[in-house]
Amino acid sequence: MTQNIDPATTRRALIKSAFVIASGAAVTACVSRTTHVASAPPLAVPSAAPIPSAPAVAAKKLPTGIRPELVKRAVAALDRHSMRVPSHDRIAIADFAAPSYRPRFHLVHLGSGTVESFLVAHGIGSDPEHTGLLHRFSNEVNSEATCEGAFLTDEYYVGKHGHSQRLRGLDPTNNNAYDRAIVVHSSWYANSDMIAKHGKLGRSQGCFAVGEQELAKVFERLGPGRMIYSAKV
């Protein structure tokens, strides 16, 4: 006899499974709002993946390279916003406690525990002296600062910085993100050669700016309909 699976129960089960993984382990207003939405995703990336029909199995490999407390907070945010985030298989965690010369934009597969980490720039307003460290978050318009909290990845478009992806802030600390045009895009100042030359990345105006050679991979792994969690714990 076929057993019907309640989608809400399925989502909760997947998130709880990911939370067990986390607890067990030890990006300016960058673009103009007048830019044109692309008629199709700018890169060969899939649409948002459907929510799995069954809970993820226990991870064979725990997430590495991310502080456990940050993972726990990110998974808790996914739980809190579960009904607004269509896909729960992968999330991105931006660890802004780390300096910009370290790969601190982590793409985590919550089922397997695998992690891919990338360089990401923070905003000018978050580091006015350009120390390479994020000193403050801000949700204010024209602050040119990075903001914290959970974001939902949205549509692709082509703008000032080329292929980009809009974000929607889900928390009071980042609910101006869409109006501020806080997005994911690539830039020369987020390329790895900046570290060899300057010991740190350049700064965005608040966006999640990744290296020019890494954007396609980030788009492929993350896609629309998933969560980015930005924090400094």
C-alpha atoms as a PDB file:
ATOM      1  CA  MET A   1       0.000   0.000   0.000  1.00  0.00           C
ATOM      2  CA  THR A   2       1.406   3.440  -0.921  1.00  0.00           C
ATOM      3  CA  GLN A   3       1.995   5.726   2.010  1.00  0.00           C
ATOM      4  CA  ASN A   4       1.382   9.462   1.474  1.00  0.00           C
ATOM      5  CA  ILE A   5       4.193  11.698   2.708  1.00  0.00           C
ATOM      6  CA  ASP A   6       3.287  15.105   4.080  1.00  0.00           C
ATOM      7  CA  PRO A   7       5.581  17.721   2.395  1.00  0.00           C
ATOM      8  CA  ALA A   8       5.715  19.835   5.558  1.00  0.00           C
ATOM      9  CA  THR A   9       6.775  16.809   7.580  1.00  0.00           C
ATOM     10  CA  THR A  10       9.378  16.017   4.934  1.00  0.00           C
ATOM     11  CA  ARG A  11      10.873  19.509   5.095  1.00  0.00           C
ATOM     12  CA  ARG A  12      11.051  19.407   8.873  1.00  0.00           C
ATOM     13  CA  ALA A  13      12.655  15.987   8.817  1.00  0.00           C
ATOM     14  CA  LEU A  14      15.346  17.120   6.372  1.00  0.00           C
ATOM     15  CA  ILE A  15      16.154  20.211   8.434  1.00  0.00           C
ATOM     16  CA  LYS A  16      16.305  18.231  11.647  1.00  0.00           C
ATOM     17  CA  SER A  17      18.689  15.801   9.977  1.00  0.00           C
ATOM     18  CA  ALA A  18      20.937  18.686   8.958  1.00  0.00           C
ATOM     19  CA  PHE A  19      20.804  20.116  12.461  1.00  0.00           C
ATOM     20  CA  VAL A  20      22.103  16.846  13.833  1.00  0.00           C
ATOM     21  CA  ILE A  21      25.024  17.128  11.413  1.00  0.00           C
ATOM     22  CA  ALA A  22      25.813  20.647  12.636  1.00  0.00           C
ATOM     23  CA  SER A  23      25.570  19.916  16.327  1.00  0.00           C
ATOM     24  CA  GLY A  24      27.778  16.866  15.997  1.00  0.00           C
ATOM     25  CA  ALA A  25      30.623  18.721  14.255  1.00  0.00           C
ATOM     26  CA  ALA A  26      33.155  19.676  16.877  1.00  0.00           C
ATOM     27  CA  VAL A  27      28.715  39.884  -0.925  1.00  0.00           C
ATOM     28  CA  THR A  28      27.412  47.532  -3.830  1.00  0.00           C
ATOM     29  CA  ALA A  29      24.205  48.393  -3.987  1.00  0.00           C
ATOM     30  CA  CYS A  30      26.217  46.821  -6.732  1.00  0.00           C
ATOM     31  CA  VAL A  31      23.757  47.212  -9.519  1.00  0.00           C
ATOM     32  CA  SER A  32      21.202  49.687 -10.677  1.00  0.00           C
ATOM     33  CA  ARG A  33      17.557  48.776 -10.133  1.00  0.00           C
ATOM     34  CA  THR A  34      17.014  49.897 -13.754  1.00  0.00           C
ATOM     35  CA  THR A  35      18.969  46.970 -15.143  1.00  0.00           C
ATOM     36  CA  HIS A  36      17.114  44.501 -17.350  1.00  0.00           C
ATOM     37  CA  VAL A  37      16.083  41.093 -16.143  1.00  0.00           C
ATOM     38  CA  ALA A  38      17.540  38.409 -18.358  1.00  0.00           C
ATOM     39  CA  SER A  39      15.032  36.455 -20.397  1.00  0.00           C
ATOM     40  CA  ALA A  40      16.699  33.263 -19.204  1.00  0.00           C
ATOM     41  CA  PRO A  41      19.281  32.400 -16.554  1.00  0.00           C
ATOM     42  CA  PRO A  42      22.587  33.871 -17.729  1.00  0.00           C
ATOM     43  CA  LEU A  43      24.512  30.693 -17.155  1.00  0.00           C
ATOM     44  CA  ALA A  44      23.766  27.037 -17.646  1.00  0.00           C
ATOM     45  CA  VAL A  45      22.275  26.593 -14.205  1.00  0.00           C
ATOM     46  CA  PRO A  46      19.276  24.522 -13.220  1.00  0.00           C
ATOM     47  CA  SER A  47      16.082  25.906 -11.781  1.00  0.00           C
ATOM     48  CA  ALA A  48      15.416  25.435  -8.093  1.00  0.00           C
ATOM     49  CA  ALA A  49      15.543  21.804  -7.186  1.00  0.00           C
ATOM     50  CA  PRO A  50      12.399  20.246  -5.731  1.00  0.00           C
ATOM     51  CA  ILE A  51      12.252  19.353  -2.085  1.00  0.00           C
ATOM     52  CA  PRO A  52      13.283  15.718  -1.676  1.00  0.00           C
ATOM     53  CA  SER A  53      10.447  13.241  -1.264  1.00  0.00           C
ATOM     54  CA  ALA A  54      12.104  11.642   1.725  1.00  0.00           C
ATOM     55  CA  PRO A  55      14.380  12.781   4.537  1.00  0.00           C
ATOM     56  CA  ALA A  56      18.098  12.876   3.828  1.00  0.00           C
ATOM     57  CA  VAL A  57      20.060   9.967   5.178  1.00  0.00           C
ATOM     58  CA  ALA A  58      22.580  10.573   7.901  1.00  0.00           C
ATOM     59  CA  ALA A  59      25.678  12.221   6.504  1.00  0.00           C
ATOM     60  CA  LYS A  60      28.678  10.037   5.851  1.00  0.00           C
ATOM     61  CA  LYS A  61      30.907  13.091   5.997  1.00  0.00           C
ATOM     62  CA  LEU A  62      30.407  15.923   8.467  1.00  0.00           C
ATOM     63  CA  PRO A  63      30.812  19.530   7.281  1.00  0.00           C
ATOM     64  CA  THR A  64      34.409  20.614   7.666  1.00  0.00           C
ATOM     65  CA  GLY A  65      35.999  24.042   7.572  1.00  0.00           C
ATOM     66  CA  ILE A  66      32.984  25.752   9.150  1.00  0.00           C
ATOM     67  CA  ARG A  67      32.640  26.511  12.833  1.00  0.00           C
ATOM     68  CA  PRO A  68      29.916  24.262  14.319  1.00  0.00           C
ATOM     69  CA  GLU A  69      28.126  27.130  16.082  1.00  0.00           C
ATOM     70  CA  LEU A  70      27.737  28.951  12.760  1.00  0.00           C
ATOM     71  CA  VAL A  71      26.378  25.825  11.081  1.00  0.00           C
ATOM     72  CA  LYS A  72      23.872  25.386  13.894  1.00  0.00           C
ATOM     73  CA  ARG A  73      22.677  28.985  13.508  1.00  0.00           C
ATOM     74  CA  ALA A  74      22.362  28.619   9.743  1.00  0.00           C
ATOM     75  CA  VAL A  75      20.309  25.443  10.031  1.00  0.00           C
ATOM     76  CA  ALA A  76      18.131  27.081  12.681  1.00  0.00           C
ATOM     77  CA  ALA A  77      17.514  29.945  10.228  1.00  0.00           C
ATOM     78  CA  LEU A  78      16.555  27.451   7.537  1.00  0.00           C
ATOM     79  CA  ASP A  79      14.134  25.865   9.979  1.00  0.00           C
ATOM     80  CA  ARG A  80      12.695  29.289  10.866  1.00  0.00           C
ATOM     81  CA  HIS A  81      12.188  30.263   7.211  1.00  0.00           C
ATOM     82  CA  SER A  82      11.422  26.776   5.916  1.00  0.00           C
ATOM     83  CA  MET A  83       8.095  27.735   4.330  1.00  0.00           C
ATOM     84  CA  ARG A  84       9.715  30.595   2.364  1.00  0.00           C
ATOM     85  CA  VAL A  85      12.713  28.630   1.084  1.00  0.00           C
ATOM     86  CA  PRO A  86      11.657  26.068  -1.550  1.00  0.00           C
ATOM     87  CA  SER A  87      14.818  23.942  -1.602  1.00  0.00           C
ATOM     88  CA  HIS A  88      16.493  22.585   1.508  1.00  0.00           C
ATOM     89  CA  ASP A  89      19.158  20.314   0.074  1.00  0.00           C
ATOM     90  CA  ARG A  90      21.956  22.908  -0.029  1.00  0.00           C
ATOM     91  CA  ILE A  91      22.636  26.229   1.682  1.00  0.00           C
ATOM     92  CA  ALA A  92      25.389  28.847   1.561  1.00  0.00           C
ATOM     93  CA  ILE A  93      26.995  30.126   4.739  1.00  0.00           C
ATOM     94  CA  ALA A  94      29.031  33.361   4.608  1.00  0.00           C
ATOM     95  CA  ASP A  95      31.343  33.432   7.607  1.00  0.00           C
ATOM     96  CA  PHE A  96      32.242  37.097   8.013  1.00  0.00           C
ATOM     97  CA  ALA A  97      34.218  36.472  11.160  1.00  0.00           C
ATOM     98  CA  ALA A  98      36.979  35.276   8.826  1.00  0.00           C
ATOM     99  CA  PRO A  99      39.248  37.730   6.955  1.00  0.00           C
ATOM    100  CA  SER A 100      38.683  38.267   3.243  1.00  0.00           C
ATOM    101  CA  TYR A 101      41.834  36.387   2.256  1.00  0.00           C
ATOM    102  CA  ARG A 102      40.256  33.143   3.435  1.00  0.00           C
ATOM    103  CA  PRO A 103      37.593  31.192   1.530  1.00  0.00           C
ATOM    104  CA  ARG A 104      34.579  32.027   3.701  1.00  0.00           C
ATOM    105  CA  PHE A 105      31.572  31.517   1.400  1.00  0.00           C
ATOM    106  CA  HIS A 106      30.685  27.907   2.102  1.00  0.00           C
ATOM    107  CA  LEU A 107      28.253  25.885  -0.021  1.00  0.00           C
ATOM    108  CA  VAL A 108      27.024  23.016   2.125  1.00  0.00           C
ATOM    109  CA  HIS A 109      25.169  19.919   0.980  1.00  0.00           C
ATOM    110  CA  LEU A 110      22.997  19.127   3.977  1.00  0.00           C
ATOM    111  CA  GLY A 111      22.496  15.498   3.045  1.00  0.00           C
ATOM    112  CA  SER A 112      26.109  14.461   2.527  1.00  0.00           C
ATOM    113  CA  GLY A 113      27.831  17.120   4.613  1.00  0.00           C
ATOM    114  CA  THR A 114      30.152  18.044   1.735  1.00  0.00           C
ATOM    115  CA  VAL A 115      31.418  21.631   1.601  1.00  0.00           C
ATOM    116  CA  GLU A 116      32.831  23.798  -1.205  1.00  0.00           C
ATOM    117  CA  SER A 117      34.344  27.096  -0.084  1.00  0.00           C
ATOM    118  CA  PHE A 118      34.965  30.275  -2.095  1.00  0.00           C
ATOM    119  CA  LEU A 119      36.423  33.723  -1.585  1.00  0.00           C
ATOM    120  CA  VAL A 120      33.819  36.469  -1.121  1.00  0.00           C
ATOM    121  CA  ALA A 121      34.166  40.226  -0.609  1.00  0.00           C
ATOM    122  CA  HIS A 122      32.414  42.284   2.041  1.00  0.00           C
ATOM    123  CA  GLY A 123      31.093  45.850   1.752  1.00  0.00           C
ATOM    124  CA  ILE A 124      32.997  49.135   1.947  1.00  0.00           C
ATOM    125  CA  GLY A 125      30.689  50.312   4.704  1.00  0.00           C
ATOM    126  CA  SER A 126      31.549  47.248   6.747  1.00  0.00           C
ATOM    127  CA  ASP A 127      35.292  47.897   6.524  1.00  0.00           C
ATOM    128  CA  PRO A 128      35.899  51.615   5.823  1.00  0.00           C
ATOM    129  CA  GLU A 129      39.609  51.392   6.641  1.00  0.00           C
ATOM    130  CA  HIS A 130      40.023  48.401   4.313  1.00  0.00           C
ATOM    131  CA  THR A 131      41.591  46.124   6.879  1.00  0.00           C
ATOM    132  CA  GLY A 132      40.344  42.942   5.218  1.00  0.00           C
ATOM    133  CA  LEU A 133      38.001  42.281   8.148  1.00  0.00           C
ATOM    134  CA  LEU A 134      34.299  42.979   8.434  1.00  0.00           C
ATOM    135  CA  HIS A 135      33.744  45.308  11.403  1.00  0.00           C
ATOM    136  CA  ARG A 136      30.024  46.023  11.193  1.00  0.00           C
ATOM    137  CA  PHE A 137      26.838  44.985   9.432  1.00  0.00           C
ATOM    138  CA  SER A 138      24.197  47.412   8.241  1.00  0.00           C
ATOM    139  CA  ASN A 139      20.755  47.137   6.673  1.00  0.00           C
ATOM    140  CA  GLU A 140      20.600  50.864   5.909  1.00  0.00           C
ATOM    141  CA  VAL A 141      20.124  52.137   2.370  1.00  0.00           C
ATOM    142  CA  ASN A 142      23.327  53.769   1.015  1.00  0.00           C
ATOM    143  CA  SER A 143      25.429  52.260   3.794  1.00  0.00           C
ATOM    144  CA  GLU A 144      27.436  50.202   1.261  1.00  0.00           C
ATOM    145  CA  ALA A 145      27.739  47.636   4.035  1.00  0.00           C
ATOM    146  CA  THR A 146      27.190  43.918   4.162  1.00  0.00           C
ATOM    147  CA  CYS A 147      24.069  42.877   6.038  1.00  0.00           C
ATOM    148  CA  GLU A 148      23.507  39.824   8.166  1.00  0.00           C
ATOM    149  CA  GLY A 149      20.765  37.232   8.269  1.00  0.00           C
ATOM    150  CA  ALA A 150      19.072  34.780   5.948  1.00  0.00           C
ATOM    151  CA  PHE A 151      18.593  35.547   2.242  1.00  0.00           C
ATOM    152  CA  LEU A 152      16.532  33.774  -0.405  1.00  0.00           C
ATOM    153  CA  THR A 153      18.246  33.445  -3.781  1.00  0.00           C
ATOM    154  CA  ASP A 154      15.998  34.846  -6.529  1.00  0.00           C
ATOM    155  CA  GLU A 155      16.093  35.554 -10.271  1.00  0.00           C
ATOM    156  CA  TYR A 156      19.122  35.934 -12.549  1.00  0.00           C
ATOM    157  CA  TYR A 157      19.667  39.071 -14.611  1.00  0.00           C
ATOM    158  CA  VAL A 158      22.434  40.931 -16.440  1.00  0.00           C
ATOM    159  CA  GLY A 159      23.456  44.221 -14.847  1.00  0.00           C
ATOM    160  CA  LYS A 160      26.382  46.504 -14.085  1.00  0.00           C
ATOM    161  CA  HIS A 161      28.528  43.580 -13.026  1.00  0.00           C
ATOM    162  CA  GLY A 162      27.344  41.168 -15.690  1.00  0.00           C
ATOM    163  CA  HIS A 163      25.553  37.974 -14.706  1.00  0.00           C
ATOM    164  CA  SER A 164      24.027  38.466 -11.271  1.00  0.00           C
ATOM    165  CA  GLN A 165      21.399  37.017  -8.980  1.00  0.00           C
ATOM    166  CA  ARG A 166      18.932  38.979  -6.872  1.00  0.00           C
ATOM    167  CA  LEU A 167      18.475  38.242  -3.191  1.00  0.00           C
ATOM    168  CA  ARG A 168      15.560  38.777  -0.831  1.00  0.00           C
ATOM    169  CA  GLY A 169      16.289  39.399   2.837  1.00  0.00           C
ATOM    170  CA  LEU A 170      14.205  37.271   5.162  1.00  0.00           C
ATOM    171  CA  ASP A 171      15.142  38.879   8.486  1.00  0.00           C
ATOM    172  CA  PRO A 172      14.737  42.361  10.031  1.00  0.00           C
ATOM    173  CA  THR A 173      18.513  42.731   9.757  1.00  0.00           C
ATOM    174  CA  ASN A 174      18.487  42.410   5.949  1.00  0.00           C
ATOM    175  CA  ASN A 175      14.949  43.140   4.774  1.00  0.00           C
ATOM    176  CA  ASN A 176      16.203  46.105   2.698  1.00  0.00           C
ATOM    177  CA  ALA A 177      18.453  43.852   0.632  1.00  0.00           C
ATOM    178  CA  TYR A 178      16.242  43.795  -2.470  1.00  0.00           C
ATOM    179  CA  ASP A 179      15.751  47.580  -2.467  1.00  0.00           C
ATOM    180  CA  ARG A 180      19.489  48.056  -1.899  1.00  0.00           C
ATOM    181  CA  ALA A 181      20.191  45.719  -4.838  1.00  0.00           C
ATOM    182  CA  ILE A 182      22.289  43.411  -2.680  1.00  0.00           C
ATOM    183  CA  VAL A 183      23.037  40.544  -5.075  1.00  0.00           C
ATOM    184  CA  VAL A 184      25.471  37.783  -5.932  1.00  0.00           C
ATOM    185  CA  HIS A 185      27.869  38.765  -8.726  1.00  0.00           C
ATOM    186  CA  SER A 186      31.510  38.359  -9.703  1.00  0.00           C
ATOM    187  CA  SER A 187      34.266  40.966  -9.774  1.00  0.00           C
ATOM    188  CA  TRP A 188      37.989  41.344 -10.436  1.00  0.00           C
ATOM    189  CA  TYR A 189      38.514  42.537  -6.853  1.00  0.00           C
ATOM    190  CA  ALA A 190      37.309  39.175  -5.542  1.00  0.00           C
ATOM    191  CA  ASN A 191      39.762  37.134  -7.607  1.00  0.00           C
ATOM    192  CA  SER A 192      42.376  35.114  -5.776  1.00  0.00           C
ATOM    193  CA  ASP A 193      45.279  37.085  -7.280  1.00  0.00           C
ATOM    194  CA  MET A 194      44.242  40.040  -5.111  1.00  0.00           C
ATOM    195  CA  ILE A 195      45.514  38.131  -2.104  1.00  0.00           C
ATOM    196  CA  ALA A 196      48.983  37.638  -3.579  1.00  0.00           C
ATOM    197  CA  LYS A 197      49.136  41.344  -4.489  1.00  0.00           C
ATOM    198  CA  HIS A 198      47.448  42.959  -1.494  1.00  0.00           C
ATOM    199  CA  GLY A 199      46.931  40.291   1.145  1.00  0.00           C
ATOM    200  CA  LYS A 200      43.136  40.738   0.992  1.00  0.00           C
ATOM    201  CA  LEU A 201      40.242  41.152  -1.403  1.00  0.00           C
ATOM    202  CA  GLY A 202      38.782  44.436  -2.544  1.00  0.00           C
ATOM    203  CA  ARG A 203      35.415  45.571  -1.203  1.00  0.00           C
ATOM    204  CA  SER A 204      31.929  45.538  -2.686  1.00  0.00           C
ATOM    205  CA  GLN A 205      29.109  47.958  -1.915  1.00  0.00           C
ATOM    206  CA  GLY A 206      27.406  45.304   0.154  1.00  0.00           C
ATOM    207  CA  CYS A 207      27.022  42.502  -2.376  1.00  0.00           C
ATOM    208  CA  PHE A 208      28.315  38.947  -2.188  1.00  0.00           C
ATOM    209  CA  ALA A 209      31.060  39.401  -4.806  1.00  0.00           C
ATOM    210  CA  VAL A 210      32.937  36.241  -5.767  1.00  0.00           C
ATOM    211  CA  GLY A 211      35.802  35.608  -8.170  1.00  0.00           C
ATOM    212  CA  GLU A 212      35.173  35.914 -11.891  1.00  0.00           C
ATOM    213  CA  GLN A 213      36.125  32.299 -12.499  1.00  0.00           C
ATOM    214  CA  GLU A 214      33.978  31.051  -9.631  1.00  0.00           C
ATOM    215  CA  LEU A 215      30.582  32.584 -10.400  1.00  0.00           C
ATOM    216  CA  ALA A 216      29.388  29.829 -12.734  1.00  0.00           C
ATOM    217  CA  LYS A 217      30.174  27.210 -10.146  1.00  0.00           C
ATOM    218  CA  VAL A 218      28.441  29.184  -7.374  1.00  0.00           C
ATOM    219  CA  PHE A 219      25.339  29.627  -9.553  1.00  0.00           C
ATOM    220  CA  GLU A 220      25.329  25.942 -10.446  1.00  0.00           C
ATOM    221  CA  ARG A 221      25.655  24.774  -6.872  1.00  0.00           C
ATOM    222  CA  LEU A 222      23.320  27.293  -5.263  1.00  0.00           C
ATOM    223  CA  GLY A 223      20.732  28.224  -7.882  1.00  0.00           C
ATOM    224  CA  PRO A 224      17.446  30.024  -7.150  1.00  0.00           C
ATOM    225  CA  GLY A 225      15.188  29.108  -4.279  1.00  0.00           C
ATOM    226  CA  ARG A 226      17.837  28.352  -1.666  1.00  0.00           C
ATOM    227  CA  MET A 227      19.140  30.127   1.405  1.00  0.00           C
ATOM    228  CA  ILE A 228      22.294  32.142   2.046  1.00  0.00           C
ATOM    229  CA  TYR A 229      23.099  32.770   5.679  1.00  0.00           C
ATOM    230  CA  SER A 230      25.395  35.718   6.476  1.00  0.00           C
ATOM    231  CA  ALA A 231      26.799  36.113   9.969  1.00  0.00           C
ATOM    232  CA  LYS A 232      29.776  36.913  12.172  1.00  0.00           C
ATOM    233  CA  VAL A 233      29.659  34.653  15.189  1.00  0.00           C
END
